[in-house]
N, C-alpha and C. Protein backbone atom coordinates (compact mmCIF):
# COMPACT_ATOMS: atom_id res chain seq x y z
N UNK A 1 262.49 201.38 166.94
CA UNK A 1 262.18 201.44 165.44
C UNK A 1 262.51 202.82 165.66
N UNK A 2 263.17 203.65 164.49
CA UNK A 2 263.13 204.75 164.12
C UNK A 2 262.14 205.68 164.30
N UNK A 3 261.29 206.88 164.68
CA UNK A 3 260.60 207.32 164.83
C UNK A 3 260.13 207.76 163.01
N UNK A 4 258.91 207.46 162.70
CA UNK A 4 258.46 208.09 161.85
C UNK A 4 258.53 209.94 161.40
N UNK A 5 258.86 210.09 159.93
CA UNK A 5 259.14 211.17 159.85
C UNK A 5 258.41 211.77 158.52
N UNK A 6 257.99 212.80 158.21
CA UNK A 6 257.70 213.29 157.12
C UNK A 6 258.48 214.23 155.87
N UNK A 7 258.41 213.38 155.02
CA UNK A 7 259.00 214.68 154.03
C UNK A 7 258.68 216.36 154.06
N UNK A 8 259.70 216.63 153.31
CA UNK A 8 259.66 218.39 153.40
C UNK A 8 260.37 218.96 152.07
N UNK A 9 259.94 219.60 151.73
CA UNK A 9 260.32 220.54 150.55
C UNK A 9 261.54 220.90 150.55
N UNK A 10 262.68 220.98 149.67
CA UNK A 10 264.28 221.83 150.55
C UNK A 10 264.33 222.36 148.54
N UNK A 11 264.59 223.20 149.06
CA UNK A 11 264.96 224.19 147.13
C UNK A 11 266.68 224.17 147.73
N UNK A 12 266.95 224.77 146.57
CA UNK A 12 268.42 225.32 146.63
C UNK A 12 268.86 226.53 145.77
N UNK A 13 269.45 227.34 146.29
CA UNK A 13 270.00 228.73 145.00
C UNK A 13 270.95 229.18 145.36
N UNK A 14 271.93 228.82 144.18
CA UNK A 14 273.41 229.52 144.84
C UNK A 14 272.91 231.50 143.86
N UNK A 15 273.63 231.39 144.79
CA UNK A 15 273.34 233.65 145.28
C UNK A 15 274.91 234.10 145.39
N UNK A 16 274.78 235.04 144.90
CA UNK A 16 276.04 236.15 145.10
C UNK A 16 276.02 236.89 146.54
N UNK A 17 277.21 237.16 147.15
CA UNK A 17 277.93 237.75 148.74
C UNK A 17 276.36 238.93 148.53
N UNK A 18 276.38 239.44 147.41
CA UNK A 18 275.49 240.92 147.92
C UNK A 18 274.00 240.64 148.05
N UNK A 19 273.46 239.63 146.95
CA UNK A 19 272.43 238.96 147.26
C UNK A 19 272.05 238.92 148.67
N UNK A 20 272.47 237.64 148.85
CA UNK A 20 272.97 237.43 150.54
C UNK A 20 272.31 238.76 151.58
N UNK A 21 273.58 239.44 151.32
CA UNK A 21 273.17 240.73 151.90
C UNK A 21 271.44 241.19 152.46
N UNK A 22 271.30 241.68 150.88
CA UNK A 22 270.40 242.35 150.69
C UNK A 22 269.13 241.69 151.54
N UNK A 23 269.17 239.92 150.97
CA UNK A 23 267.88 238.96 151.51
C UNK A 23 268.08 238.69 152.63
N UNK A 24 269.06 239.22 153.29
CA UNK A 24 269.15 238.57 154.80
C UNK A 24 268.47 239.72 155.35
N UNK A 25 268.45 240.96 155.48
CA UNK A 25 268.11 242.03 155.37
C UNK A 25 266.34 242.18 155.53
N UNK A 26 266.01 241.09 154.63
CA UNK A 26 264.79 241.59 154.44
C UNK A 26 264.07 240.63 155.47
N UNK A 27 264.55 239.22 155.48
CA UNK A 27 264.78 237.95 156.25
C UNK A 27 263.94 238.57 157.57
N UNK A 28 265.17 239.03 158.27
CA UNK A 28 265.18 239.26 159.60
C UNK A 28 264.02 240.28 160.17
N UNK A 29 263.40 240.73 158.97
CA UNK A 29 262.42 241.34 159.50
C UNK A 29 261.17 240.29 160.73
N UNK A 30 261.19 239.15 159.21
CA UNK A 30 259.81 238.38 160.61
C UNK A 30 260.70 237.32 160.78
N UNK A 31 261.41 236.86 160.67
CA UNK A 31 262.40 235.43 160.90
C UNK A 31 263.36 235.71 161.74
N UNK A 32 263.37 234.68 162.71
CA UNK A 32 264.50 234.46 163.90
C UNK A 32 265.11 233.64 163.88
N UNK A 33 266.43 234.10 164.33
CA UNK A 33 267.64 233.13 163.85
C UNK A 33 267.66 232.12 164.81
N UNK A 34 268.39 230.70 164.12
CA UNK A 34 268.16 229.39 164.82
C UNK A 34 268.84 229.83 166.08
N UNK A 35 267.76 229.27 167.39
CA UNK A 35 268.77 229.71 168.79
C UNK A 35 270.05 228.71 169.29
N UNK A 36 270.25 227.85 168.61
CA UNK A 36 271.40 227.20 168.14
C UNK A 36 272.88 227.36 168.18
N UNK A 37 272.51 228.73 167.57
CA UNK A 37 273.50 229.37 166.42
C UNK A 37 274.49 229.91 167.59
N UNK A 38 275.93 230.36 167.44
CA UNK A 38 276.82 230.79 168.22
C UNK A 38 276.38 232.44 168.22
N UNK A 39 277.23 233.47 169.02
CA UNK A 39 276.83 234.60 168.94
C UNK A 39 276.75 235.44 167.93
N UNK A 40 277.39 234.99 166.36
CA UNK A 40 277.36 235.53 165.78
C UNK A 40 276.54 235.09 165.06
N UNK A 41 275.05 234.64 164.88
CA UNK A 41 274.01 233.62 164.14
C UNK A 41 274.45 232.33 163.63
N UNK A 42 275.62 232.20 163.51
CA UNK A 42 276.15 230.85 162.32
C UNK A 42 276.89 230.01 163.47
N UNK A 43 277.31 228.60 162.57
CA UNK A 43 277.52 227.76 163.19
C UNK A 43 278.38 226.90 162.24
N UNK A 44 279.72 226.54 162.46
CA UNK A 44 280.09 224.85 161.28
C UNK A 44 279.85 224.25 161.53
N UNK A 45 279.69 223.16 160.28
CA UNK A 45 278.70 222.02 160.22
C UNK A 45 280.55 221.10 159.29
N UNK A 46 280.75 220.52 159.89
CA UNK A 46 281.54 219.28 159.05
C UNK A 46 280.80 218.03 159.42
N UNK A 47 281.32 217.01 158.09
CA UNK A 47 280.46 216.45 158.22
C UNK A 47 281.97 215.37 157.13
N UNK A 48 281.35 213.74 157.45
CA UNK A 48 281.68 212.64 156.57
C UNK A 48 281.05 212.32 155.65
N UNK A 49 281.22 211.87 154.19
CA UNK A 49 279.61 211.13 153.17
C UNK A 49 280.83 210.49 152.76
N UNK A 50 279.38 209.38 153.50
CA UNK A 50 279.93 207.52 152.56
C UNK A 50 279.65 207.16 151.15
N UNK A 51 280.08 206.69 150.37
CA UNK A 51 279.62 206.21 148.97
C UNK A 51 280.17 204.99 149.14
N UNK A 52 280.22 204.11 148.49
CA UNK A 52 280.78 202.68 147.82
C UNK A 52 281.68 203.09 146.95
N UNK A 53 282.89 202.02 146.28
CA UNK A 53 283.58 201.73 145.19
C UNK A 53 283.33 202.15 143.87
N UNK A 54 282.18 202.18 143.81
CA UNK A 54 281.02 202.30 142.45
C UNK A 54 280.84 203.87 142.45
N UNK A 55 280.71 204.69 143.26
CA UNK A 55 280.45 205.72 143.57
C UNK A 55 279.07 205.99 143.30
N UNK A 56 277.95 205.05 143.99
CA UNK A 56 276.72 204.38 143.83
C UNK A 56 275.72 206.29 144.46
N UNK A 57 276.18 206.73 145.60
CA UNK A 57 275.41 208.12 145.78
C UNK A 57 276.04 209.26 144.51
N UNK A 58 276.89 209.40 144.24
CA UNK A 58 277.46 210.22 143.38
C UNK A 58 276.92 209.75 141.96
N UNK A 59 276.67 208.80 141.76
CA UNK A 59 276.63 208.73 140.15
C UNK A 59 274.65 209.35 140.38
N UNK A 60 273.94 208.95 141.21
CA UNK A 60 272.32 208.91 141.05
C UNK A 60 272.40 210.15 141.36
N UNK A 61 273.27 211.03 141.53
CA UNK A 61 272.69 212.19 141.66
C UNK A 61 273.04 213.14 140.25
N UNK A 62 274.55 212.74 139.99
CA UNK A 62 274.57 213.09 138.27
C UNK A 62 273.84 212.56 137.28
N UNK A 63 273.22 211.38 137.26
CA UNK A 63 272.35 210.67 136.34
C UNK A 63 270.60 211.29 136.73
N UNK A 64 270.54 211.95 137.41
CA UNK A 64 269.05 212.81 138.18
C UNK A 64 268.28 211.31 138.59
N UNK A 65 268.52 210.56 139.56
CA UNK A 65 267.56 209.83 139.91
C UNK A 65 266.72 210.32 141.14
N UNK A 66 265.33 210.18 140.44
CA UNK A 66 264.40 211.05 141.47
C UNK A 66 264.26 210.39 143.06
N UNK A 67 264.62 208.75 143.34
CA UNK A 67 264.37 208.50 144.64
C UNK A 67 265.85 208.06 145.08
N UNK A 68 266.69 208.86 146.01
CA UNK A 68 268.34 208.35 146.41
C UNK A 68 268.12 208.35 147.93
N UNK A 69 269.37 208.03 148.42
CA UNK A 69 269.58 208.29 149.96
C UNK A 69 271.33 208.65 149.55
N UNK A 70 271.35 209.18 150.87
CA UNK A 70 273.03 209.41 151.20
C UNK A 70 273.19 209.27 153.01
N UNK A 71 274.53 208.77 153.51
CA UNK A 71 274.47 208.35 154.98
C UNK A 71 275.90 209.54 154.56
N UNK A 72 275.89 210.18 156.01
CA UNK A 72 276.79 210.98 156.54
C UNK A 72 277.31 211.00 158.31
N UNK A 73 277.92 211.39 158.38
CA UNK A 73 278.59 211.77 160.10
C UNK A 73 278.86 213.23 160.44
N UNK A 74 278.54 213.75 161.24
CA UNK A 74 278.76 215.12 161.45
C UNK A 74 278.36 215.77 162.78
N UNK A 75 279.01 216.72 162.75
CA UNK A 75 278.99 217.35 164.25
C UNK A 75 278.90 219.36 163.91
N UNK A 76 278.59 219.75 164.83
CA UNK A 76 278.38 221.02 164.62
C UNK A 76 279.34 222.24 165.73
N UNK A 77 280.04 223.01 164.94
CA UNK A 77 280.90 224.01 166.30
C UNK A 77 282.21 223.43 167.23
N UNK A 78 282.92 221.90 166.04
CA UNK A 78 284.04 221.74 166.74
C UNK A 78 283.37 221.23 168.37
N UNK A 79 282.49 220.73 168.48
CA UNK A 79 281.66 219.97 169.64
C UNK A 79 281.54 218.80 169.71
N UNK A 80 282.32 217.54 169.96
CA UNK A 80 282.45 216.06 169.58
C UNK A 80 281.71 215.64 170.76
N UNK A 81 281.24 216.61 171.93
CA UNK A 81 280.47 215.24 172.53
C UNK A 81 278.97 214.89 171.78
N UNK A 82 278.41 216.08 170.40
CA UNK A 82 277.07 215.46 170.23
C UNK A 82 277.43 215.21 168.49
N UNK A 83 277.55 214.11 168.36
CA UNK A 83 278.32 213.71 167.00
C UNK A 83 276.57 212.63 166.16
N UNK A 84 276.51 212.78 165.37
CA UNK A 84 275.38 212.27 164.90
C UNK A 84 275.76 211.26 162.96
N UNK A 85 274.59 210.65 163.32
CA UNK A 85 275.13 209.62 162.01
C UNK A 85 273.81 209.75 161.27
N UNK A 86 273.90 210.20 160.15
CA UNK A 86 272.93 210.44 159.71
C UNK A 86 272.20 209.89 158.36
N UNK A 87 270.61 209.68 157.59
CA UNK A 87 270.51 209.36 156.59
C UNK A 87 269.40 210.39 155.71
N UNK A 88 269.96 210.52 154.95
CA UNK A 88 269.12 211.23 154.36
C UNK A 88 268.75 210.97 152.78
N UNK A 89 267.27 210.77 152.64
CA UNK A 89 266.65 210.54 151.51
C UNK A 89 266.11 211.71 150.53
N UNK A 90 266.19 211.37 149.31
CA UNK A 90 265.31 212.34 148.74
C UNK A 90 264.68 211.88 147.21
N UNK A 91 263.36 212.61 147.00
CA UNK A 91 262.25 212.12 145.93
C UNK A 91 262.15 213.64 145.44
N UNK A 92 262.98 213.67 144.12
CA UNK A 92 263.03 215.03 144.03
C UNK A 92 263.09 216.24 144.49
N UNK A 93 262.44 217.17 145.27
CA UNK A 93 262.61 218.04 145.56
C UNK A 93 262.19 217.73 146.91
N UNK A 94 261.80 216.89 147.75
CA UNK A 94 261.45 216.42 149.00
C UNK A 94 262.33 215.63 149.35
N UNK A 95 262.98 216.30 150.71
CA UNK A 95 263.77 215.80 151.53
C UNK A 95 263.18 214.76 153.31
N UNK A 96 263.90 214.19 153.33
CA UNK A 96 263.89 213.60 154.70
C UNK A 96 265.29 212.75 155.12
N UNK A 97 265.10 213.40 156.98
CA UNK A 97 266.67 212.95 157.23
C UNK A 97 266.05 212.11 158.67
N UNK A 98 266.64 211.04 158.79
CA UNK A 98 266.89 210.46 160.02
C UNK A 98 268.69 210.25 160.92
N UNK A 99 268.26 210.00 162.36
CA UNK A 99 269.22 210.31 163.07
C UNK A 99 269.48 210.14 163.94
N UNK A 100 270.97 209.38 164.50
CA UNK A 100 271.47 208.85 165.80
C UNK A 100 272.71 209.11 166.35
N UNK A 101 272.78 209.18 167.59
CA UNK A 101 273.51 209.76 168.64
C UNK A 101 274.99 208.70 168.28
N UNK A 102 276.15 209.51 168.06
CA UNK A 102 277.38 208.62 168.19
C UNK A 102 277.94 209.06 169.19
N UNK A 103 279.33 208.03 169.83
CA UNK A 103 280.03 209.02 170.86
C UNK A 103 281.27 209.28 170.18
N UNK A 104 281.85 209.93 170.45
CA UNK A 104 283.51 210.29 170.03
C UNK A 104 284.13 208.70 170.03
N UNK A 105 283.93 208.15 171.04
CA UNK A 105 284.85 206.61 170.61
C UNK A 105 283.83 205.98 169.68
N UNK A 106 283.06 205.46 169.40
CA UNK A 106 282.24 205.00 168.26
C UNK A 106 282.65 205.86 166.97
N UNK A 107 283.01 207.01 166.84
CA UNK A 107 282.80 207.57 165.50
C UNK A 107 284.20 207.30 165.18
N UNK A 108 285.04 207.04 165.80
CA UNK A 108 286.60 207.07 165.98
C UNK A 108 287.01 205.62 165.34
N UNK A 109 286.70 204.62 166.25
CA UNK A 109 286.13 203.29 165.33
C UNK A 109 285.56 202.86 164.17
N UNK A 110 284.96 203.70 163.84
CA UNK A 110 284.39 203.54 162.73
C UNK A 110 284.70 204.27 161.66
N UNK A 111 285.72 205.07 161.85
CA UNK A 111 286.29 206.04 161.00
C UNK A 111 287.93 205.07 160.44
N UNK A 112 287.54 204.24 161.33
CA UNK A 112 289.52 203.37 161.16
C UNK A 112 289.20 201.96 161.19
N UNK A 113 287.79 201.61 160.43
CA UNK A 113 286.69 200.45 159.82
C UNK A 113 287.01 199.63 160.68
N UNK A 114 286.51 199.75 162.16
CA UNK A 114 286.20 199.09 162.97
C UNK A 114 284.78 198.72 163.19
N UNK A 115 283.76 197.89 162.72
CA UNK A 115 282.36 198.55 163.01
C UNK A 115 281.94 197.43 162.91
N UNK A 116 282.04 196.40 164.08
CA UNK A 116 281.88 195.33 164.54
C UNK A 116 280.52 195.54 165.38
N UNK A 117 280.83 196.59 166.07
CA UNK A 117 279.78 196.94 167.42
C UNK A 117 278.69 197.51 166.71
N UNK A 118 278.71 197.89 165.26
CA UNK A 118 277.97 198.54 164.66
C UNK A 118 276.51 197.49 164.63
N UNK A 119 276.65 196.22 164.96
CA UNK A 119 276.10 195.00 164.54
C UNK A 119 274.58 195.18 165.32
N UNK A 120 274.99 195.54 166.68
CA UNK A 120 274.50 194.77 168.26
C UNK A 120 274.25 196.80 168.23
N UNK A 121 273.88 197.74 167.84
CA UNK A 121 273.72 198.71 168.54
C UNK A 121 272.09 199.22 168.59
N UNK A 122 272.01 199.69 169.51
CA UNK A 122 270.28 200.29 169.94
C UNK A 122 269.84 200.35 168.58
N UNK A 123 270.43 201.74 168.64
CA UNK A 123 269.68 202.51 167.19
C UNK A 123 269.76 201.75 165.76
N UNK A 124 268.26 201.66 165.38
CA UNK A 124 267.82 201.26 164.10
C UNK A 124 269.07 201.56 162.85
N UNK A 125 269.19 202.73 162.86
CA UNK A 125 269.90 203.74 161.50
C UNK A 125 271.44 202.79 161.81
N UNK A 126 272.17 203.14 162.98
CA UNK A 126 273.34 202.53 163.13
C UNK A 126 273.23 201.31 162.20
N UNK A 127 272.38 200.30 162.63
CA UNK A 127 272.53 198.61 162.20
C UNK A 127 272.45 199.27 161.13
N UNK A 128 271.28 199.30 160.24
CA UNK A 128 271.30 199.61 159.13
C UNK A 128 272.05 200.05 158.52
N UNK A 129 273.35 201.14 158.69
CA UNK A 129 274.50 202.04 158.02
C UNK A 129 275.51 200.39 158.35
N UNK A 130 275.28 199.84 159.60
CA UNK A 130 276.34 198.33 159.25
C UNK A 130 276.38 197.75 158.00
N UNK A 131 275.13 197.03 157.97
CA UNK A 131 274.58 196.17 156.95
C UNK A 131 275.03 196.72 155.63
N UNK A 132 274.62 198.10 155.37
CA UNK A 132 275.11 198.47 153.92
C UNK A 132 277.11 198.65 153.88
N UNK A 133 277.17 198.72 155.19
CA UNK A 133 278.51 198.77 154.63
C UNK A 133 279.09 197.91 154.34
N UNK A 134 278.94 196.69 154.73
CA UNK A 134 278.71 195.37 154.20
C UNK A 134 278.24 194.83 152.91
N UNK A 135 276.96 194.96 152.05
CA UNK A 135 276.47 194.66 150.95
C UNK A 135 276.83 195.42 150.11
N UNK A 136 276.55 196.92 150.50
CA UNK A 136 276.77 198.40 149.86
C UNK A 136 278.66 198.76 149.32
N UNK A 137 279.44 197.84 150.51
CA UNK A 137 280.41 198.43 150.56
C UNK A 137 280.49 199.75 151.16
N UNK A 138 280.10 200.42 152.12
CA UNK A 138 280.00 202.09 152.18
C UNK A 138 281.09 202.16 153.06
N UNK A 139 281.40 203.56 152.52
CA UNK A 139 283.01 203.61 152.69
C UNK A 139 282.99 205.34 153.57
N UNK A 140 283.51 206.06 154.23
CA UNK A 140 284.22 207.09 154.50
C UNK A 140 284.71 207.46 153.11
N UNK A 141 284.35 208.91 151.99
CA UNK A 141 284.96 209.17 151.05
C UNK A 141 285.26 210.69 150.48
N UNK A 142 284.86 211.19 151.89
CA UNK A 142 285.34 212.56 151.52
C UNK A 142 284.42 214.00 152.61
N UNK A 143 285.48 214.52 153.39
CA UNK A 143 284.98 215.47 154.14
C UNK A 143 284.63 216.66 153.90
N UNK A 144 283.73 217.09 154.29
CA UNK A 144 283.17 218.82 153.89
C UNK A 144 282.71 219.47 155.19
N UNK A 145 283.40 220.48 154.99
CA UNK A 145 283.22 221.91 155.70
C UNK A 145 282.43 222.87 155.44
N UNK A 146 281.40 223.65 156.26
CA UNK A 146 280.93 225.20 156.01
C UNK A 146 280.51 225.59 157.05
N UNK A 147 279.96 226.36 156.69
CA UNK A 147 279.81 227.41 157.62
C UNK A 147 277.81 227.55 157.79
N UNK A 148 277.09 228.03 158.32
CA UNK A 148 275.97 227.82 158.08
C UNK A 148 275.49 229.15 159.09
N UNK A 149 274.31 229.83 158.56
CA UNK A 149 273.37 231.05 159.04
C UNK A 149 271.99 231.08 158.77
N UNK A 150 271.54 229.35 159.92
CA UNK A 150 270.23 229.73 159.37
C UNK A 150 268.59 230.35 160.67
N UNK A 151 267.56 230.82 160.06
CA UNK A 151 266.17 231.52 160.34
C UNK A 151 265.13 230.57 160.41
N UNK A 152 264.51 230.96 160.96
CA UNK A 152 263.56 230.08 161.15
C UNK A 152 262.33 231.25 161.18
N UNK A 153 260.73 230.46 160.81
CA UNK A 153 259.31 230.96 160.73
C UNK A 153 258.49 229.77 160.71
N UNK A 154 257.67 230.05 162.00
CA UNK A 154 256.91 229.00 162.96
C UNK A 154 256.01 228.50 161.36
N UNK A 155 254.88 229.45 161.05
CA UNK A 155 254.02 229.08 159.80
C UNK A 155 254.46 228.69 158.69
N UNK A 156 254.59 226.98 158.45
CA UNK A 156 254.93 226.40 157.48
C UNK A 156 255.95 225.55 157.67
N UNK A 157 256.69 226.04 159.07
CA UNK A 157 257.51 225.60 159.72
C UNK A 157 258.87 225.47 158.46
N UNK A 158 258.76 227.13 158.21
CA UNK A 158 260.10 227.35 157.42
C UNK A 158 261.25 227.15 158.10
N UNK A 159 262.68 226.53 157.44
CA UNK A 159 263.92 227.35 157.58
C UNK A 159 264.71 227.98 156.40
N UNK A 160 265.02 228.80 156.36
CA UNK A 160 265.44 229.35 155.72
C UNK A 160 267.63 229.04 156.46
N UNK A 161 268.43 228.60 155.19
CA UNK A 161 269.90 228.85 155.86
C UNK A 161 270.43 229.04 154.72
N UNK A 162 271.67 230.09 155.25
CA UNK A 162 272.83 230.82 154.23
C UNK A 162 273.60 229.53 154.21
N UNK A 163 274.71 229.12 153.61
CA UNK A 163 275.95 228.39 153.44
C UNK A 163 276.85 228.92 153.02
N UNK A 164 278.57 229.44 153.64
CA UNK A 164 279.38 229.93 152.94
C UNK A 164 280.67 229.16 153.11
N UNK A 165 281.44 229.19 152.69
CA UNK A 165 283.05 228.58 153.23
C UNK A 165 282.98 227.29 153.10
N UNK A 166 282.14 226.75 152.08
CA UNK A 166 282.27 225.24 151.69
C UNK A 166 283.81 224.51 151.37
N UNK A 167 284.60 223.58 152.07
CA UNK A 167 285.63 223.70 151.79
C UNK A 167 285.41 221.58 152.24
N UNK A 168 286.69 221.40 151.84
CA UNK A 168 286.76 219.78 151.21
C UNK A 168 288.08 219.38 151.47
N UNK A 169 287.78 217.93 151.56
CA UNK A 169 289.20 217.55 151.89
C UNK A 169 289.44 215.96 152.20
N UNK A 170 290.01 215.18 151.06
CA UNK A 170 289.94 213.67 151.44
C UNK A 170 290.49 212.66 152.51
N UNK A 171 290.78 213.75 153.50
CA UNK A 171 291.13 212.72 154.52
C UNK A 171 290.42 213.17 155.51
N UNK A 172 289.65 211.86 155.49
CA UNK A 172 288.48 211.76 156.67
C UNK A 172 288.94 211.77 158.13
N UNK A 173 290.31 211.25 158.27
CA UNK A 173 290.83 210.94 159.28
C UNK A 173 291.08 212.23 160.47
N UNK A 174 291.52 213.63 159.41
CA UNK A 174 291.12 214.76 160.12
C UNK A 174 289.96 215.09 161.00
N UNK A 175 288.66 214.11 160.10
CA UNK A 175 287.55 214.89 161.24
C UNK A 175 287.12 214.67 162.06
N UNK A 176 287.67 214.41 162.89
CA UNK A 176 288.13 215.07 164.57
C UNK A 176 289.09 215.36 165.06
N UNK A 177 289.58 216.13 164.56
CA UNK A 177 290.95 217.28 164.51
C UNK A 177 290.15 218.47 164.49
N UNK A 178 290.73 219.36 165.30
CA UNK A 178 290.85 220.71 165.01
C UNK A 178 290.91 221.20 163.96
N UNK A 179 292.23 221.33 162.99
CA UNK A 179 292.58 221.89 161.76
C UNK A 179 292.50 221.02 160.82
N UNK A 180 291.89 221.50 160.22
CA UNK A 180 292.15 220.19 158.56
C UNK A 180 292.17 221.13 157.75
N UNK A 181 293.22 220.06 156.67
CA UNK A 181 293.93 220.38 155.74
C UNK A 181 293.20 220.35 154.41
N UNK A 182 292.36 221.51 154.42
CA UNK A 182 291.11 221.16 153.40
C UNK A 182 291.08 222.23 152.24
N UNK A 183 290.67 222.77 151.42
CA UNK A 183 290.79 223.57 150.12
C UNK A 183 289.00 224.23 149.74
N UNK A 184 289.00 225.26 149.26
CA UNK A 184 288.05 225.73 148.95
C UNK A 184 287.39 224.52 147.65
N UNK A 185 285.95 224.61 148.18
CA UNK A 185 285.46 223.53 146.85
C UNK A 185 284.30 224.47 145.94
N UNK A 186 284.41 225.63 145.66
CA UNK A 186 283.42 226.00 145.17
C UNK A 186 284.71 227.40 144.05
N UNK A 187 283.90 227.46 142.75
CA UNK A 187 284.85 228.41 142.05
C UNK A 187 285.34 229.44 142.92
N UNK A 188 284.34 230.26 143.12
CA UNK A 188 284.06 231.33 143.76
C UNK A 188 283.49 231.61 145.05
N UNK A 189 285.07 231.50 146.00
CA UNK A 189 284.78 231.26 146.98
C UNK A 189 283.67 232.02 148.15
N UNK A 190 283.74 233.16 147.59
CA UNK A 190 282.75 234.49 148.51
C UNK A 190 281.31 234.01 148.02
N UNK A 191 280.98 233.12 147.13
CA UNK A 191 279.75 233.24 146.90
C UNK A 191 278.74 232.24 147.95
N UNK A 192 277.29 232.03 147.76
CA UNK A 192 277.00 231.13 148.87
C UNK A 192 275.69 230.47 148.50
N UNK A 193 275.21 229.70 149.20
CA UNK A 193 274.41 228.57 148.66
C UNK A 193 273.33 229.04 149.81
N UNK A 194 271.87 229.24 149.54
CA UNK A 194 270.85 229.79 149.75
C UNK A 194 269.94 228.11 149.97
N UNK A 195 269.60 227.72 151.37
CA UNK A 195 268.15 226.81 151.29
C UNK A 195 267.02 227.29 151.70
N UNK A 196 266.40 226.52 151.44
CA UNK A 196 264.69 226.46 151.72
C UNK A 196 264.11 225.62 152.03
N UNK A 197 263.45 224.84 153.49
CA UNK A 197 262.80 224.01 153.88
C UNK A 197 261.61 224.22 154.33
N UNK A 198 260.62 223.33 153.89
CA UNK A 198 259.42 223.89 154.38
C UNK A 198 258.48 222.62 154.49
N UNK A 199 257.50 222.57 155.44
CA UNK A 199 256.29 221.10 155.02
C UNK A 199 255.33 221.54 153.77
N UNK A 200 254.38 221.76 154.34
CA UNK A 200 253.13 221.35 153.05
C UNK A 200 253.24 222.93 152.50
N UNK A 201 253.51 223.97 152.86
CA UNK A 201 253.39 225.00 151.94
C UNK A 201 254.42 225.94 152.20
N UNK A 202 254.94 227.06 151.28
CA UNK A 202 255.65 228.23 151.39
C UNK A 202 255.13 229.38 151.94
N UNK A 203 255.15 230.07 153.29
CA UNK A 203 253.99 231.40 153.19
C UNK A 203 254.56 232.17 151.82
N UNK A 204 253.25 232.72 151.26
CA UNK A 204 253.69 233.74 150.27
C UNK A 204 254.25 235.02 151.18
N UNK A 205 254.57 235.70 152.59
CA UNK A 205 255.80 236.28 152.75
C UNK A 205 256.63 236.22 152.50
N UNK A 206 257.18 234.77 152.49
CA UNK A 206 258.50 233.99 152.77
C UNK A 206 259.21 233.84 150.79
N UNK A 207 257.76 233.67 150.15
CA UNK A 207 258.33 233.95 148.56
C UNK A 207 258.59 235.18 148.20
N UNK A 208 258.01 236.15 148.34
CA UNK A 208 258.28 237.52 148.34
C UNK A 208 259.83 237.73 148.57
N UNK A 209 259.68 237.40 149.79
CA UNK A 209 261.63 238.02 150.86
C UNK A 209 262.44 237.27 149.54
N UNK A 210 262.39 235.82 149.22
CA UNK A 210 263.45 235.27 149.15
C UNK A 210 263.58 235.79 147.30
N UNK A 211 262.77 236.52 146.93
CA UNK A 211 263.09 236.59 144.80
C UNK A 211 264.28 237.43 145.29
N UNK A 212 264.93 236.78 143.95
CA UNK A 212 266.23 238.07 143.70
C UNK A 212 265.92 237.61 141.71
N UNK A 213 266.38 238.76 141.30
CA UNK A 213 266.17 238.65 139.65
C UNK A 213 267.34 237.66 139.42
N UNK A 214 267.07 237.29 138.40
CA UNK A 214 268.04 235.90 137.91
C UNK A 214 268.59 234.74 138.82
N UNK A 215 268.13 234.39 139.99
CA UNK A 215 268.77 233.57 140.76
C UNK A 215 268.05 232.31 140.12
N UNK A 216 267.87 231.10 140.12
CA UNK A 216 267.29 230.38 139.46
C UNK A 216 267.70 228.73 141.15
N UNK A 217 266.34 228.44 140.88
CA UNK A 217 266.30 227.50 141.69
C UNK A 217 267.29 226.18 141.15
N UNK A 218 268.36 225.34 142.20
CA UNK A 218 269.47 224.24 141.20
C UNK A 218 269.47 223.07 141.69
N UNK A 219 269.77 222.00 141.41
CA UNK A 219 270.16 220.65 142.35
C UNK A 219 271.28 220.91 142.46
N UNK A 220 271.80 221.53 143.46
CA UNK A 220 273.69 221.38 144.38
C UNK A 220 273.60 220.87 144.68
N UNK A 221 274.69 220.03 145.05
CA UNK A 221 274.80 219.01 145.98
C UNK A 221 276.04 219.66 146.85
N UNK A 222 276.59 219.52 148.52
CA UNK A 222 277.32 219.81 148.34
C UNK A 222 278.35 218.82 148.25
N UNK A 223 278.23 217.48 148.21
CA UNK A 223 278.79 215.95 148.70
C UNK A 223 278.87 216.22 146.77
N UNK A 224 278.52 216.28 145.76
CA UNK A 224 278.53 216.25 144.54
C UNK A 224 279.70 217.26 144.26
N UNK A 225 279.46 218.32 144.82
CA UNK A 225 280.43 219.72 144.48
C UNK A 225 281.83 219.06 144.75
N UNK A 226 282.28 218.36 146.11
CA UNK A 226 283.15 218.15 146.97
C UNK A 226 284.04 216.93 146.53
N UNK A 227 283.23 216.23 145.25
CA UNK A 227 283.62 215.01 145.14
C UNK A 227 284.60 215.14 143.38
N UNK A 228 284.44 216.31 142.99
CA UNK A 228 285.21 216.60 141.54
C UNK A 228 286.51 216.53 142.17
N UNK A 229 287.12 216.72 143.19
CA UNK A 229 288.75 216.57 143.79
C UNK A 229 289.17 215.58 144.20
N UNK A 230 287.91 214.86 143.83
CA UNK A 230 288.65 213.13 143.82
C UNK A 230 287.59 211.88 144.49
């Protein structure tokens, strides 16, 4: 059985580059950069999102369904030695994520439609995805890439990330290649997405530091944004 996890709060805001620069300077006074980043404090994330022929995950997002889930495969900084399959579940602004490791060979098989090996995989999550690829007809739908700059704050288990350069491609078979034929997924490429994640409470000092006049919490979805291209 997969280890039980707890739901966390997840808030999203669209901010301009100017707002990002000012906010980052304030946050750096008390928050710590994620130790898994590169020397510049960032890393690139590349993901394949799954959906069925009826666009179940997309429609639930558009229709504002309170409780929903989606599956994806991702890796970081072009490192194919650490690929994960993930299931993200949301209830309003609360989310929880389950993950399992995949080898590069397993990932290539999955993307090529060879999924029989998943049935007897030691991970319950991989077996669950196999079942849903059969009875829900889940299939790779879109490739999403972006650059993330993460910061952490121990009280409240707070994680704040700035996501930029959000790009997309329908050619999911390029997922494991160094170069991807993708395009910008946002109308204003220099704008950024601010994500705030925390457990039971958001410390007041963090609330004060992320306050920017005019920004509003929004139900932003990278998958939904990128799916407007197909």
